[in-house]
Amino acid sequence: MSDQPPARLEPSPDEFLVAEASPEFHKLRSSLRRFVFPMSAFFLLWYAVYVLLGAFATDFMGTKVWGNINVGLILGLLQFVTTFAITFAYVRFANRDLDPQADAIRQKFADGGYNTPEATR
């Protein structure tokens, strides 16, 4: 028999509540919100402009740029480019900022840091 304590399978609900109230978790959530909210607002505004131009500025959207390619087609394709750019930016942001914070919280769970009396203060 081993003298090591048994591996923890899963944190208790109380540990989750303590972790949620921790400064580390608040910092993680704040970091996520600082990226997601502005980026979502930017994309929704950009999409709304595209839709409104398509509905009300048909002459502008139909302006030929090269051959059969018009402004509307270019702006429509830029919607896809924007989506991929935002995805790329989020992955970079998550790898650089969010993952280290989440790993620290996960490690504190593994170490039992959220089930001590000091953690509830």
PDB file of N, CA and C in Angstrom:
ATOM      1  N   MET A   1       0.831  -1.178   0.000  1.00  0.00           N
ATOM      2  CA  MET A   1       0.000   0.000   0.000  1.00  0.00           C
ATOM      3  C   MET A   1       0.878   1.246   0.000  1.00  0.00           C
ATOM      4  N   SER A   2       0.394   2.262  -0.621  1.00  0.00           N
ATOM      5  CA  SER A   2       1.121   3.518  -0.735  1.00  0.00           C
ATOM      6  C   SER A   2       0.739   4.444   0.416  1.00  0.00           C
ATOM      7  N   ASP A   3       1.709   5.267   0.823  1.00  0.00           N
ATOM      8  CA  ASP A   3       1.453   6.247   1.878  1.00  0.00           C
ATOM      9  C   ASP A   3       0.900   7.550   1.320  1.00  0.00           C
ATOM     10  N   GLN A   4       0.726   7.639  -0.005  1.00  0.00           N
ATOM     11  CA  GLN A   4       0.220   8.860  -0.614  1.00  0.00           C
ATOM     12  C   GLN A   4      -1.282   8.956  -0.415  1.00  0.00           C
ATOM     13  N   PRO A   5      -1.779  10.193  -0.223  1.00  0.00           N
ATOM     14  CA  PRO A   5      -3.236  10.351  -0.109  1.00  0.00           C
ATOM     15  C   PRO A   5      -3.892  10.043  -1.451  1.00  0.00           C
ATOM     16  N   PRO A   6      -5.149   9.627  -1.435  1.00  0.00           N
ATOM     17  CA  PRO A   6      -5.828   9.329  -2.693  1.00  0.00           C
ATOM     18  C   PRO A   6      -5.967  10.595  -3.547  1.00  0.00           C
ATOM     19  N   ALA A   7      -5.919  10.407  -4.844  1.00  0.00           N
ATOM     20  CA  ALA A   7      -6.055  11.536  -5.767  1.00  0.00           C
ATOM     21  C   ALA A   7      -7.457  12.124  -5.658  1.00  0.00           C
ATOM     22  N   ARG A   8      -7.529  13.428  -5.723  1.00  0.00           N
ATOM     23  CA  ARG A   8      -8.834  14.095  -5.678  1.00  0.00           C
ATOM     24  C   ARG A   8      -9.492  13.938  -7.033  1.00  0.00           C
ATOM     25  N   LEU A   9     -10.709  13.491  -7.041  1.00  0.00           N
ATOM     26  CA  LEU A   9     -11.408  13.285  -8.294  1.00  0.00           C
ATOM     27  C   LEU A   9     -12.097  14.549  -8.771  1.00  0.00           C
ATOM     28  N   GLU A  10     -12.724  15.248  -7.856  1.00  0.00           N
ATOM     29  CA  GLU A  10     -13.550  16.373  -8.263  1.00  0.00           C
ATOM     30  C   GLU A  10     -13.723  17.316  -7.081  1.00  0.00           C
ATOM     31  N   PRO A  11     -13.641  18.635  -7.323  1.00  0.00           N
ATOM     32  CA  PRO A  11     -13.859  19.576  -6.220  1.00  0.00           C
ATOM     33  C   PRO A  11     -15.315  19.544  -5.750  1.00  0.00           C
ATOM     34  N   SER A  12     -15.498  19.913  -4.513  1.00  0.00           N
ATOM     35  CA  SER A  12     -16.848  19.951  -3.952  1.00  0.00           C
ATOM     36  C   SER A  12     -17.553  21.228  -4.403  1.00  0.00           C
ATOM     37  N   PRO A  13     -18.883  21.269  -4.294  1.00  0.00           N
ATOM     38  CA  PRO A  13     -19.610  22.510  -4.631  1.00  0.00           C
ATOM     39  C   PRO A  13     -19.151  23.702  -3.794  1.00  0.00           C
ATOM     40  N   ASP A  14     -18.819  23.461  -2.531  1.00  0.00           N
ATOM     41  CA  ASP A  14     -18.345  24.561  -1.683  1.00  0.00           C
ATOM     42  C   ASP A  14     -17.024  25.125  -2.188  1.00  0.00           C
ATOM     43  N   GLU A  15     -16.149  24.244  -2.684  1.00  0.00           N
ATOM     44  CA  GLU A  15     -14.882  24.714  -3.234  1.00  0.00           C
ATOM     45  C   GLU A  15     -15.104  25.585  -4.470  1.00  0.00           C
ATOM     46  N   PHE A  16     -16.089  25.221  -5.289  1.00  0.00           N
ATOM     47  CA  PHE A  16     -16.407  26.041  -6.458  1.00  0.00           C
ATOM     48  C   PHE A  16     -16.891  27.420  -6.033  1.00  0.00           C
ATOM     49  N   LEU A  17     -17.696  27.492  -4.985  1.00  0.00           N
ATOM     50  CA  LEU A  17     -18.188  28.779  -4.500  1.00  0.00           C
ATOM     51  C   LEU A  17     -17.050  29.639  -3.962  1.00  0.00           C
ATOM     52  N   VAL A  18     -16.126  29.023  -3.239  1.00  0.00           N
ATOM     53  CA  VAL A  18     -14.970  29.754  -2.726  1.00  0.00           C
ATOM     54  C   VAL A  18     -14.108  30.236  -3.886  1.00  0.00           C
ATOM     55  N   ALA A  19     -13.895  29.385  -4.882  1.00  0.00           N
ATOM     56  CA  ALA A  19     -13.088  29.770  -6.043  1.00  0.00           C
ATOM     57  C   ALA A  19     -13.748  30.915  -6.807  1.00  0.00           C
ATOM     58  N   GLU A  20     -15.063  30.858  -6.935  1.00  0.00           N
ATOM     59  CA  GLU A  20     -15.771  31.908  -7.660  1.00  0.00           C
ATOM     60  C   GLU A  20     -15.625  33.262  -6.978  1.00  0.00           C
ATOM     61  N   ALA A  21     -15.518  33.262  -5.666  1.00  0.00           N
ATOM     62  CA  ALA A  21     -15.377  34.505  -4.910  1.00  0.00           C
ATOM     63  C   ALA A  21     -13.927  34.970  -4.810  1.00  0.00           C
ATOM     64  N   SER A  22     -12.993  34.183  -5.324  1.00  0.00           N
ATOM     65  CA  SER A  22     -11.577  34.502  -5.182  1.00  0.00           C
ATOM     66  C   SER A  22     -11.156  35.638  -6.124  1.00  0.00           C
ATOM     67  N   PRO A  23     -10.126  36.383  -5.736  1.00  0.00           N
ATOM     68  CA  PRO A  23      -9.618  37.456  -6.607  1.00  0.00           C
ATOM     69  C   PRO A  23      -9.086  36.908  -7.938  1.00  0.00           C
ATOM     70  N   GLU A  24      -8.523  35.704  -7.915  1.00  0.00           N
ATOM     71  CA  GLU A  24      -7.995  35.112  -9.154  1.00  0.00           C
ATOM     72  C   GLU A  24      -9.112  34.897 -10.178  1.00  0.00           C
ATOM     73  N   PHE A  25     -10.245  34.412  -9.702  1.00  0.00           N
ATOM     74  CA  PHE A  25     -11.365  34.155 -10.606  1.00  0.00           C
ATOM     75  C   PHE A  25     -11.948  35.468 -11.131  1.00  0.00           C
ATOM     76  N   HIS A  26     -12.043  36.476 -10.256  1.00  0.00           N
ATOM     77  CA  HIS A  26     -12.565  37.777 -10.683  1.00  0.00           C
ATOM     78  C   HIS A  26     -11.650  38.403 -11.737  1.00  0.00           C
ATOM     79  N   LYS A  27     -10.343  38.239 -11.559  1.00  0.00           N
ATOM     80  CA  LYS A  27      -9.394  38.765 -12.547  1.00  0.00           C
ATOM     81  C   LYS A  27      -9.561  38.039 -13.882  1.00  0.00           C
ATOM     82  N   LEU A  28      -9.722  36.719 -13.837  1.00  0.00           N
ATOM     83  CA  LEU A  28      -9.926  35.937 -15.058  1.00  0.00           C
ATOM     84  C   LEU A  28     -11.192  36.376 -15.779  1.00  0.00           C
ATOM     85  N   ARG A  29     -12.267  36.500 -15.045  1.00  0.00           N
ATOM     86  CA  ARG A  29     -13.540  36.907 -15.642  1.00  0.00           C
ATOM     87  C   ARG A  29     -13.464  38.324 -16.201  1.00  0.00           C
ATOM     88  N   SER A  30     -12.790  39.209 -15.501  1.00  0.00           N
ATOM     89  CA  SER A  30     -12.617  40.576 -15.968  1.00  0.00           C
ATOM     90  C   SER A  30     -11.783  40.615 -17.248  1.00  0.00           C
ATOM     91  N   SER A  31     -10.729  39.826 -17.304  1.00  0.00           N
ATOM     92  CA  SER A  31      -9.893  39.758 -18.509  1.00  0.00           C
ATOM     93  C   SER A  31     -10.706  39.279 -19.702  1.00  0.00           C
ATOM     94  N   LEU A  32     -11.506  38.260 -19.500  1.00  0.00           N
ATOM     95  CA  LEU A  32     -12.334  37.738 -20.585  1.00  0.00           C
ATOM     96  C   LEU A  32     -13.325  38.798 -21.066  1.00  0.00           C
ATOM     97  N   ARG A  33     -13.968  39.465 -20.141  1.00  0.00           N
ATOM     98  CA  ARG A  33     -14.959  40.484 -20.511  1.00  0.00           C
ATOM     99  C   ARG A  33     -14.326  41.661 -21.242  1.00  0.00           C
ATOM    100  N   ARG A  34     -13.108  42.058 -20.848  1.00  0.00           N
ATOM    101  CA  ARG A  34     -12.441  43.173 -21.515  1.00  0.00           C
ATOM    102  C   ARG A  34     -12.154  42.858 -22.977  1.00  0.00           C
ATOM    103  N   PHE A  35     -12.043  41.600 -23.336  1.00  0.00           N
ATOM    104  CA  PHE A  35     -11.843  41.239 -24.736  1.00  0.00           C
ATOM    105  C   PHE A  35     -13.165  40.994 -25.444  1.00  0.00           C
ATOM    106  N   VAL A  36     -14.029  40.193 -24.843  1.00  0.00           N
ATOM    107  CA  VAL A  36     -15.238  39.720 -25.522  1.00  0.00           C
ATOM    108  C   VAL A  36     -16.248  40.834 -25.782  1.00  0.00           C
ATOM    109  N   PHE A  37     -16.520  41.676 -24.810  1.00  0.00           N
ATOM    110  CA  PHE A  37     -17.558  42.696 -24.997  1.00  0.00           C
ATOM    111  C   PHE A  37     -17.208  43.696 -26.106  1.00  0.00           C
ATOM    112  N   PRO A  38     -16.021  44.301 -26.093  1.00  0.00           N
ATOM    113  CA  PRO A  38     -15.711  45.233 -27.185  1.00  0.00           C
ATOM    114  C   PRO A  38     -15.653  44.546 -28.556  1.00  0.00           C
ATOM    115  N   MET A  39     -15.100  43.340 -28.597  1.00  0.00           N
ATOM    116  CA  MET A  39     -14.992  42.647 -29.874  1.00  0.00           C
ATOM    117  C   MET A  39     -16.372  42.272 -30.410  1.00  0.00           C
ATOM    118  N   SER A  40     -17.258  41.849 -29.534  1.00  0.00           N
ATOM    119  CA  SER A  40     -18.625  41.521 -29.959  1.00  0.00           C
ATOM    120  C   SER A  40     -19.350  42.767 -30.451  1.00  0.00           C
ATOM    121  N   ALA A  41     -19.200  43.873 -29.726  1.00  0.00           N
ATOM    122  CA  ALA A  41     -19.840  45.121 -30.142  1.00  0.00           C
ATOM    123  C   ALA A  41     -19.303  45.568 -31.499  1.00  0.00           C
ATOM    124  N   PHE A  42     -17.986  45.474 -31.685  1.00  0.00           N
ATOM    125  CA  PHE A  42     -17.386  45.840 -32.971  1.00  0.00           C
ATOM    126  C   PHE A  42     -17.960  44.993 -34.101  1.00  0.00           C
ATOM    127  N   PHE A  43     -18.008  43.673 -33.900  1.00  0.00           N
ATOM    128  CA  PHE A  43     -18.473  42.809 -34.981  1.00  0.00           C
ATOM    129  C   PHE A  43     -19.956  43.033 -35.279  1.00  0.00           C
ATOM    130  N   LEU A  44     -20.774  43.174 -34.254  1.00  0.00           N
ATOM    131  CA  LEU A  44     -22.203  43.415 -34.484  1.00  0.00           C
ATOM    132  C   LEU A  44     -22.438  44.740 -35.199  1.00  0.00           C
ATOM    133  N   LEU A  45     -21.678  45.764 -34.836  1.00  0.00           N
ATOM    134  CA  LEU A  45     -21.796  47.053 -35.509  1.00  0.00           C
ATOM    135  C   LEU A  45     -21.360  46.932 -36.975  1.00  0.00           C
ATOM    136  N   TRP A  46     -20.263  46.267 -37.223  1.00  0.00           N
ATOM    137  CA  TRP A  46     -19.754  46.060 -38.577  1.00  0.00           C
ATOM    138  C   TRP A  46     -20.775  45.279 -39.412  1.00  0.00           C
ATOM    139  N   TYR A  47     -21.374  44.259 -38.831  1.00  0.00           N
ATOM    140  CA  TYR A  47     -22.372  43.469 -39.552  1.00  0.00           C
ATOM    141  C   TYR A  47     -23.628  44.309 -39.828  1.00  0.00           C
ATOM    142  N   ALA A  48     -24.054  45.102 -38.853  1.00  0.00           N
ATOM    143  CA  ALA A  48     -25.237  45.949 -39.033  1.00  0.00           C
ATOM    144  C   ALA A  48     -25.000  46.975 -40.140  1.00  0.00           C
ATOM    145  N   VAL A  49     -23.806  47.540 -40.197  1.00  0.00           N
ATOM    146  CA  VAL A  49     -23.477  48.484 -41.264  1.00  0.00           C
ATOM    147  C   VAL A  49     -23.570  47.794 -42.614  1.00  0.00           C
ATOM    148  N   TYR A  50     -23.046  46.586 -42.704  1.00  0.00           N
ATOM    149  CA  TYR A  50     -23.096  45.824 -43.952  1.00  0.00           C
ATOM    150  C   TYR A  50     -24.553  45.565 -44.380  1.00  0.00           C
ATOM    151  N   VAL A  51     -25.385  45.133 -43.450  1.00  0.00           N
ATOM    152  CA  VAL A  51     -26.791  44.856 -43.758  1.00  0.00           C
ATOM    153  C   VAL A  51     -27.518  46.133 -44.156  1.00  0.00           C
ATOM    154  N   LEU A  52     -27.291  47.218 -43.415  1.00  0.00           N
ATOM    155  CA  LEU A  52     -27.953  48.484 -43.736  1.00  0.00           C
ATOM    156  C   LEU A  52     -27.499  49.031 -45.093  1.00  0.00           C
ATOM    157  N   LEU A  53     -26.226  48.900 -45.396  1.00  0.00           N
ATOM    158  CA  LEU A  53     -25.761  49.319 -46.716  1.00  0.00           C
ATOM    159  C   LEU A  53     -26.431  48.487 -47.811  1.00  0.00           C
ATOM    160  N   GLY A  54     -26.546  47.191 -47.558  1.00  0.00           N
ATOM    161  CA  GLY A  54     -27.203  46.324 -48.533  1.00  0.00           C
ATOM    162  C   GLY A  54     -28.667  46.678 -48.733  1.00  0.00           C
ATOM    163  N   ALA A  55     -29.319  47.135 -47.684  1.00  0.00           N
ATOM    164  CA  ALA A  55     -30.746  47.453 -47.766  1.00  0.00           C
ATOM    165  C   ALA A  55     -31.011  48.859 -48.305  1.00  0.00           C
ATOM    166  N   PHE A  56     -30.179  49.821 -47.906  1.00  0.00           N
ATOM    167  CA  PHE A  56     -30.495  51.214 -48.218  1.00  0.00           C
ATOM    168  C   PHE A  56     -29.509  51.897 -49.169  1.00  0.00           C
ATOM    169  N   ALA A  57     -28.365  51.327 -49.402  1.00  0.00           N
ATOM    170  CA  ALA A  57     -27.375  51.943 -50.297  1.00  0.00           C
ATOM    171  C   ALA A  57     -27.068  50.987 -51.445  1.00  0.00           C
ATOM    172  N   THR A  58     -28.128  50.584 -52.137  1.00  0.00           N
ATOM    173  CA  THR A  58     -27.961  49.572 -53.185  1.00  0.00           C
ATOM    174  C   THR A  58     -27.088  50.068 -54.332  1.00  0.00           C
ATOM    175  N   ASP A  59     -27.160  51.348 -54.643  1.00  0.00           N
ATOM    176  CA  ASP A  59     -26.303  51.874 -55.714  1.00  0.00           C
ATOM    177  C   ASP A  59     -24.834  51.783 -55.325  1.00  0.00           C
ATOM    178  N   PHE A  60     -24.537  52.155 -54.073  1.00  0.00           N
ATOM    179  CA  PHE A  60     -23.157  52.056 -53.595  1.00  0.00           C
ATOM    180  C   PHE A  60     -22.691  50.600 -53.578  1.00  0.00           C
ATOM    181  N   MET A  61     -23.508  49.718 -53.040  1.00  0.00           N
ATOM    182  CA  MET A  61     -23.127  48.305 -52.948  1.00  0.00           C
ATOM    183  C   MET A  61     -22.979  47.669 -54.331  1.00  0.00           C
ATOM    184  N   GLY A  62     -23.701  48.193 -55.314  1.00  0.00           N
ATOM    185  CA  GLY A  62     -23.632  47.650 -56.665  1.00  0.00           C
ATOM    186  C   GLY A  62     -22.538  48.259 -57.519  1.00  0.00           C
ATOM    187  N   THR A  63     -21.776  49.176 -56.943  1.00  0.00           N
ATOM    188  CA  THR A  63     -20.693  49.824 -57.692  1.00  0.00           C
ATOM    189  C   THR A  63     -19.657  48.787 -58.120  1.00  0.00           C
ATOM    190  N   LYS A  64     -19.404  48.713 -59.421  1.00  0.00           N
ATOM    191  CA  LYS A  64     -18.425  47.752 -59.947  1.00  0.00           C
ATOM    192  C   LYS A  64     -17.019  48.197 -59.559  1.00  0.00           C
ATOM    193  N   VAL A  65     -16.239  47.242 -59.103  1.00  0.00           N
ATOM    194  CA  VAL A  65     -14.853  47.511 -58.737  1.00  0.00           C
ATOM    195  C   VAL A  65     -13.928  46.949 -59.809  1.00  0.00           C
ATOM    196  N   TRP A  66     -14.225  45.716 -60.218  1.00  0.00           N
ATOM    197  CA  TRP A  66     -13.395  45.048 -61.226  1.00  0.00           C
ATOM    198  C   TRP A  66     -14.233  43.949 -61.858  1.00  0.00           C
ATOM    199  N   GLY A  67     -14.512  44.028 -63.115  1.00  0.00           N
ATOM    200  CA  GLY A  67     -15.338  43.034 -63.791  1.00  0.00           C
ATOM    201  C   GLY A  67     -16.720  42.957 -63.163  1.00  0.00           C
ATOM    202  N   ASN A  68     -17.112  41.745 -62.753  1.00  0.00           N
ATOM    203  CA  ASN A  68     -18.410  41.552 -62.089  1.00  0.00           C
ATOM    204  C   ASN A  68     -18.320  41.659 -60.566  1.00  0.00           C
ATOM    205  N   ILE A  69     -17.194  42.078 -60.066  1.00  0.00           N
ATOM    206  CA  ILE A  69     -17.011  42.203 -58.609  1.00  0.00           C
ATOM    207  C   ILE A  69     -17.406  43.619 -58.195  1.00  0.00           C
ATOM    208  N   ASN A  70     -18.348  43.674 -57.246  1.00  0.00           N
ATOM    209  CA  ASN A  70     -18.822  44.982 -56.780  1.00  0.00           C
ATOM    210  C   ASN A  70     -18.496  45.180 -55.301  1.00  0.00           C
ATOM    211  N   VAL A  71     -18.790  46.375 -54.811  1.00  0.00           N
ATOM    212  CA  VAL A  71     -18.502  46.729 -53.417  1.00  0.00           C
ATOM    213  C   VAL A  71     -19.220  45.784 -52.452  1.00  0.00           C
ATOM    214  N   GLY A  72     -20.458  45.428 -52.745  1.00  0.00           N
ATOM    215  CA  GLY A  72     -21.224  44.535 -51.866  1.00  0.00           C
ATOM    216  C   GLY A  72     -20.558  43.181 -51.700  1.00  0.00           C
ATOM    217  N   LEU A  73     -20.034  42.635 -52.796  1.00  0.00           N
ATOM    218  CA  LEU A  73     -19.344  41.334 -52.727  1.00  0.00           C
ATOM    219  C   LEU A  73     -18.069  41.442 -51.900  1.00  0.00           C
ATOM    220  N   ILE A  74     -17.339  42.515 -52.115  1.00  0.00           N
ATOM    221  CA  ILE A  74     -16.098  42.703 -51.350  1.00  0.00           C
ATOM    222  C   ILE A  74     -16.402  42.843 -49.858  1.00  0.00           C
ATOM    223  N   LEU A  75     -17.396  43.661 -49.512  1.00  0.00           N
ATOM    224  CA  LEU A  75     -17.745  43.826 -48.097  1.00  0.00           C
ATOM    225  C   LEU A  75     -18.284  42.514 -47.501  1.00  0.00           C
ATOM    226  N   GLY A  76     -19.011  41.749 -48.298  1.00  0.00           N
ATOM    227  CA  GLY A  76     -19.496  40.453 -47.829  1.00  0.00           C
ATOM    228  C   GLY A  76     -18.350  39.489 -47.542  1.00  0.00           C
ATOM    229  N   LEU A  77     -17.364  39.467 -48.418  1.00  0.00           N
ATOM    230  CA  LEU A  77     -16.190  38.616 -48.183  1.00  0.00           C
ATOM    231  C   LEU A  77     -15.378  39.110 -46.987  1.00  0.00           C
ATOM    232  N   LEU A  78     -15.365  40.434 -46.795  1.00  0.00           N
ATOM    233  CA  LEU A  78     -14.663  40.977 -45.627  1.00  0.00           C
ATOM    234  C   LEU A  78     -15.323  40.556 -44.316  1.00  0.00           C
ATOM    235  N   GLN A  79     -16.611  40.226 -44.354  1.00  0.00           N
ATOM    236  CA  GLN A  79     -17.270  39.684 -43.157  1.00  0.00           C
ATOM    237  C   GLN A  79     -16.590  38.387 -42.724  1.00  0.00           C
ATOM    238  N   PHE A  80     -16.274  37.538 -43.701  1.00  0.00           N
ATOM    239  CA  PHE A  80     -15.573  36.287 -43.390  1.00  0.00           C
ATOM    240  C   PHE A  80     -14.164  36.562 -42.889  1.00  0.00           C
ATOM    241  N   VAL A  81     -13.480  37.479 -43.530  1.00  0.00           N
ATOM    242  CA  VAL A  81     -12.122  37.826 -43.111  1.00  0.00           C
ATOM    243  C   VAL A  81     -12.143  38.344 -41.674  1.00  0.00           C
ATOM    244  N   THR A  82     -13.108  39.193 -41.368  1.00  0.00           N
ATOM    245  CA  THR A  82     -13.233  39.738 -40.012  1.00  0.00           C
ATOM    246  C   THR A  82     -13.485  38.623 -38.998  1.00  0.00           C
ATOM    247  N   THR A  83     -14.345  37.677 -39.356  1.00  0.00           N
ATOM    248  CA  THR A  83     -14.636  36.558 -38.455  1.00  0.00           C
ATOM    249  C   THR A  83     -13.377  35.761 -38.145  1.00  0.00           C
ATOM    250  N   PHE A  84     -12.603  35.458 -39.174  1.00  0.00           N
ATOM    251  CA  PHE A  84     -11.361  34.705 -38.960  1.00  0.00           C
ATOM    252  C   PHE A  84     -10.343  35.525 -38.178  1.00  0.00           C
ATOM    253  N   ALA A  85     -10.275  36.825 -38.432  1.00  0.00           N
ATOM    254  CA  ALA A  85      -9.336  37.685 -37.698  1.00  0.00           C
ATOM    255  C   ALA A  85      -9.702  37.754 -36.219  1.00  0.00           C
ATOM    256  N   ILE A  86     -10.987  37.875 -35.927  1.00  0.00           N
ATOM    257  CA  ILE A  86     -11.421  37.908 -34.528  1.00  0.00           C
ATOM    258  C   ILE A  86     -11.124  36.575 -33.845  1.00  0.00           C
ATOM    259  N   THR A  87     -11.360  35.482 -34.559  1.00  0.00           N
ATOM    260  CA  THR A  87     -11.053  34.154 -34.002  1.00  0.00           C
ATOM    261  C   THR A  87      -9.563  34.031 -33.710  1.00  0.00           C
ATOM    262  N   PHE A  88      -8.735  34.448 -34.653  1.00  0.00           N
ATOM    263  CA  PHE A  88      -7.286  34.398 -34.459  1.00  0.00           C
ATOM    264  C   PHE A  88      -6.875  35.255 -33.261  1.00  0.00           C
ATOM    265  N   ALA A  89      -7.426  36.472 -33.175  1.00  0.00           N
ATOM    266  CA  ALA A  89      -7.093  37.362 -32.058  1.00  0.00           C
ATOM    267  C   ALA A  89      -7.518  36.761 -30.723  1.00  0.00           C
ATOM    268  N   TYR A  90      -8.687  36.114 -30.693  1.00  0.00           N
ATOM    269  CA  TYR A  90      -9.147  35.506 -29.446  1.00  0.00           C
ATOM    270  C   TYR A  90      -8.245  34.350 -29.032  1.00  0.00           C
ATOM    271  N   VAL A  91      -7.857  33.515 -29.978  1.00  0.00           N
ATOM    272  CA  VAL A  91      -6.989  32.379 -29.648  1.00  0.00           C
ATOM    273  C   VAL A  91      -5.659  32.882 -29.095  1.00  0.00           C
ATOM    274  N   ARG A  92      -5.103  33.907 -29.723  1.00  0.00           N
ATOM    275  CA  ARG A  92      -3.856  34.492 -29.214  1.00  0.00           C
ATOM    276  C   ARG A  92      -4.044  35.063 -27.817  1.00  0.00           C
ATOM    277  N   PHE A  93      -5.131  35.796 -27.626  1.00  0.00           N
ATOM    278  CA  PHE A  93      -5.430  36.390 -26.329  1.00  0.00           C
ATOM    279  C   PHE A  93      -5.620  35.304 -25.266  1.00  0.00           C
ATOM    280  N   ALA A  94      -6.368  34.268 -25.601  1.00  0.00           N
ATOM    281  CA  ALA A  94      -6.622  33.195 -24.636  1.00  0.00           C
ATOM    282  C   ALA A  94      -5.326  32.479 -24.267  1.00  0.00           C
ATOM    283  N   ASN A  95      -4.507  32.177 -25.260  1.00  0.00           N
ATOM    284  CA  ASN A  95      -3.239  31.491 -24.981  1.00  0.00           C
ATOM    285  C   ASN A  95      -2.319  32.349 -24.128  1.00  0.00           C
ATOM    286  N   ARG A  96      -2.287  33.639 -24.401  1.00  0.00           N
ATOM    287  CA  ARG A  96      -1.365  34.535 -23.711  1.00  0.00           C
ATOM    288  C   ARG A  96      -1.869  34.977 -22.337  1.00  0.00           C
ATOM    289  N   ASP A  97      -3.183  35.284 -22.225  1.00  0.00           N
ATOM    290  CA  ASP A  97      -3.706  35.888 -21.001  1.00  0.00           C
ATOM    291  C   ASP A  97      -4.618  34.973 -20.183  1.00  0.00           C
ATOM    292  N   LEU A  98      -5.563  34.323 -20.841  1.00  0.00           N
ATOM    293  CA  LEU A  98      -6.567  33.558 -20.098  1.00  0.00           C
ATOM    294  C   LEU A  98      -6.044  32.213 -19.600  1.00  0.00           C
ATOM    295  N   ASP A  99      -5.348  31.488 -20.461  1.00  0.00           N
ATOM    296  CA  ASP A  99      -4.905  30.143 -20.076  1.00  0.00           C
ATOM    297  C   ASP A  99      -3.990  30.131 -18.855  1.00  0.00           C
ATOM    298  N   PRO A 100      -3.012  31.039 -18.754  1.00  0.00           N
ATOM    299  CA  PRO A 100      -2.190  31.025 -17.531  1.00  0.00           C
ATOM    300  C   PRO A 100      -3.011  31.289 -16.263  1.00  0.00           C
ATOM    301  N   GLN A 101      -3.985  32.197 -16.349  1.00  0.00           N
ATOM    302  CA  GLN A 101      -4.829  32.464 -15.189  1.00  0.00           C
ATOM    303  C   GLN A 101      -5.689  31.253 -14.838  1.00  0.00           C
ATOM    304  N   ALA A 102      -6.256  30.615 -15.863  1.00  0.00           N
ATOM    305  CA  ALA A 102      -7.086  29.430 -15.626  1.00  0.00           C
ATOM    306  C   ALA A 102      -6.239  28.285 -15.078  1.00  0.00           C
ATOM    307  N   ASP A 103      -5.019  28.149 -15.571  1.00  0.00           N
ATOM    308  CA  ASP A 103      -4.132  27.100 -15.065  1.00  0.00           C
ATOM    309  C   ASP A 103      -3.802  27.313 -13.594  1.00  0.00           C
ATOM    310  N   ALA A 104      -3.604  28.579 -13.203  1.00  0.00           N
ATOM    311  CA  ALA A 104      -3.317  28.878 -11.792  1.00  0.00           C
ATOM    312  C   ALA A 104      -4.510  28.509 -10.916  1.00  0.00           C
ATOM    313  N   ILE A 105      -5.711  28.799 -11.380  1.00  0.00           N
ATOM    314  CA  ILE A 105      -6.916  28.440 -10.622  1.00  0.00           C
ATOM    315  C   ILE A 105      -7.055  26.925 -10.559  1.00  0.00           C
ATOM    316  N   ARG A 106      -6.838  26.258 -11.676  1.00  0.00           N
ATOM    317  CA  ARG A 106      -6.929  24.791 -11.722  1.00  0.00           C
ATOM    318  C   ARG A 106      -5.901  24.156 -10.778  1.00  0.00           C
ATOM    319  N   GLN A 107      -4.687  24.732 -10.744  1.00  0.00           N
ATOM    320  CA  GLN A 107      -3.647  24.199  -9.859  1.00  0.00           C
ATOM    321  C   GLN A 107      -4.021  24.408  -8.396  1.00  0.00           C
ATOM    322  N   LYS A 108      -4.653  25.541  -8.108  1.00  0.00           N
ATOM    323  CA  LYS A 108      -5.074  25.788  -6.727  1.00  0.00           C
ATOM    324  C   LYS A 108      -6.143  24.776  -6.310  1.00  0.00           C
ATOM    325  N   PHE A 109      -7.022  24.402  -7.252  1.00  0.00           N
ATOM    326  CA  PHE A 109      -7.982  23.328  -6.964  1.00  0.00           C
ATOM    327  C   PHE A 109      -7.244  22.038  -6.665  1.00  0.00           C
ATOM    328  N   ALA A 110      -6.282  21.696  -7.504  1.00  0.00           N
ATOM    329  CA  ALA A 110      -5.546  20.443  -7.343  1.00  0.00           C
ATOM    330  C   ALA A 110      -4.786  20.404  -6.026  1.00  0.00           C
ATOM    331  N   ASP A 111      -4.269  21.565  -5.619  1.00  0.00           N
ATOM    332  CA  ASP A 111      -3.525  21.636  -4.363  1.00  0.00           C
ATOM    333  C   ASP A 111      -4.433  21.716  -3.141  1.00  0.00           C
ATOM    334  N   GLY A 112      -5.733  21.822  -3.359  1.00  0.00           N
ATOM    335  CA  GLY A 112      -6.668  21.936  -2.241  1.00  0.00           C
ATOM    336  C   GLY A 112      -6.723  23.336  -1.660  1.00  0.00           C
ATOM    337  N   GLY A 113      -6.295  24.320  -2.439  1.00  0.00           N
ATOM    338  CA  GLY A 113      -6.239  25.701  -1.954  1.00  0.00           C
ATOM    339  C   GLY A 113      -7.578  26.343  -1.712  1.00  0.00           C
ATOM    340  N   TYR A 114      -8.620  25.791  -2.286  1.00  0.00           N
ATOM    341  CA  TYR A 114      -9.954  26.379  -2.100  1.00  0.00           C
ATOM    342  C   TYR A 114     -10.742  25.687  -1.007  1.00  0.00           C
ATOM    343  N   ASN A 115     -10.155  24.705  -0.355  1.00  0.00           N
ATOM    344  CA  ASN A 115     -10.902  24.021   0.711  1.00  0.00           C
ATOM    345  C   ASN A 115     -10.298  24.273   2.088  1.00  0.00           C
ATOM    346  N   THR A 116      -9.430  25.260   2.202  1.00  0.00           N
ATOM    347  CA  THR A 116      -8.840  25.581   3.501  1.00  0.00           C
ATOM    348  C   THR A 116      -9.656  26.702   4.166  1.00  0.00           C
ATOM    349  N   PRO A 117      -9.608  26.799   5.477  1.00  0.00           N
ATOM    350  CA  PRO A 117     -10.326  27.882   6.159  1.00  0.00           C
ATOM    351  C   PRO A 117      -9.842  29.266   5.717  1.00  0.00           C
ATOM    352  N   GLU A 118      -8.532  29.391   5.374  1.00  0.00           N
ATOM    353  CA  GLU A 118      -8.007  30.684   4.937  1.00  0.00           C
ATOM    354  C   GLU A 118      -8.639  31.106   3.609  1.00  0.00           C
ATOM    355  N   ALA A 119      -9.017  30.154   2.769  1.00  0.00           N
ATOM    356  CA  ALA A 119      -9.583  30.477   1.462  1.00  0.00           C
ATOM    357  C   ALA A 119     -10.958  31.080   1.550  1.00  0.00           C
ATOM    358  N   THR A 120     -11.655  30.857   2.649  1.00  0.00           N
ATOM    359  CA  THR A 120     -13.018  31.366   2.789  1.00  0.00           C
ATOM    360  C   THR A 120     -13.048  32.778   3.360  1.00  0.00           C
ATOM    361  N   ARG A 121     -11.888  33.314   3.751  1.00  0.00           N
ATOM    362  CA  ARG A 121     -11.855  34.656   4.332  1.00  0.00           C
ATOM    363  C   ARG A 121     -11.868  35.718   3.289  1.00  0.00           C
TER     364      ARG A 121
END
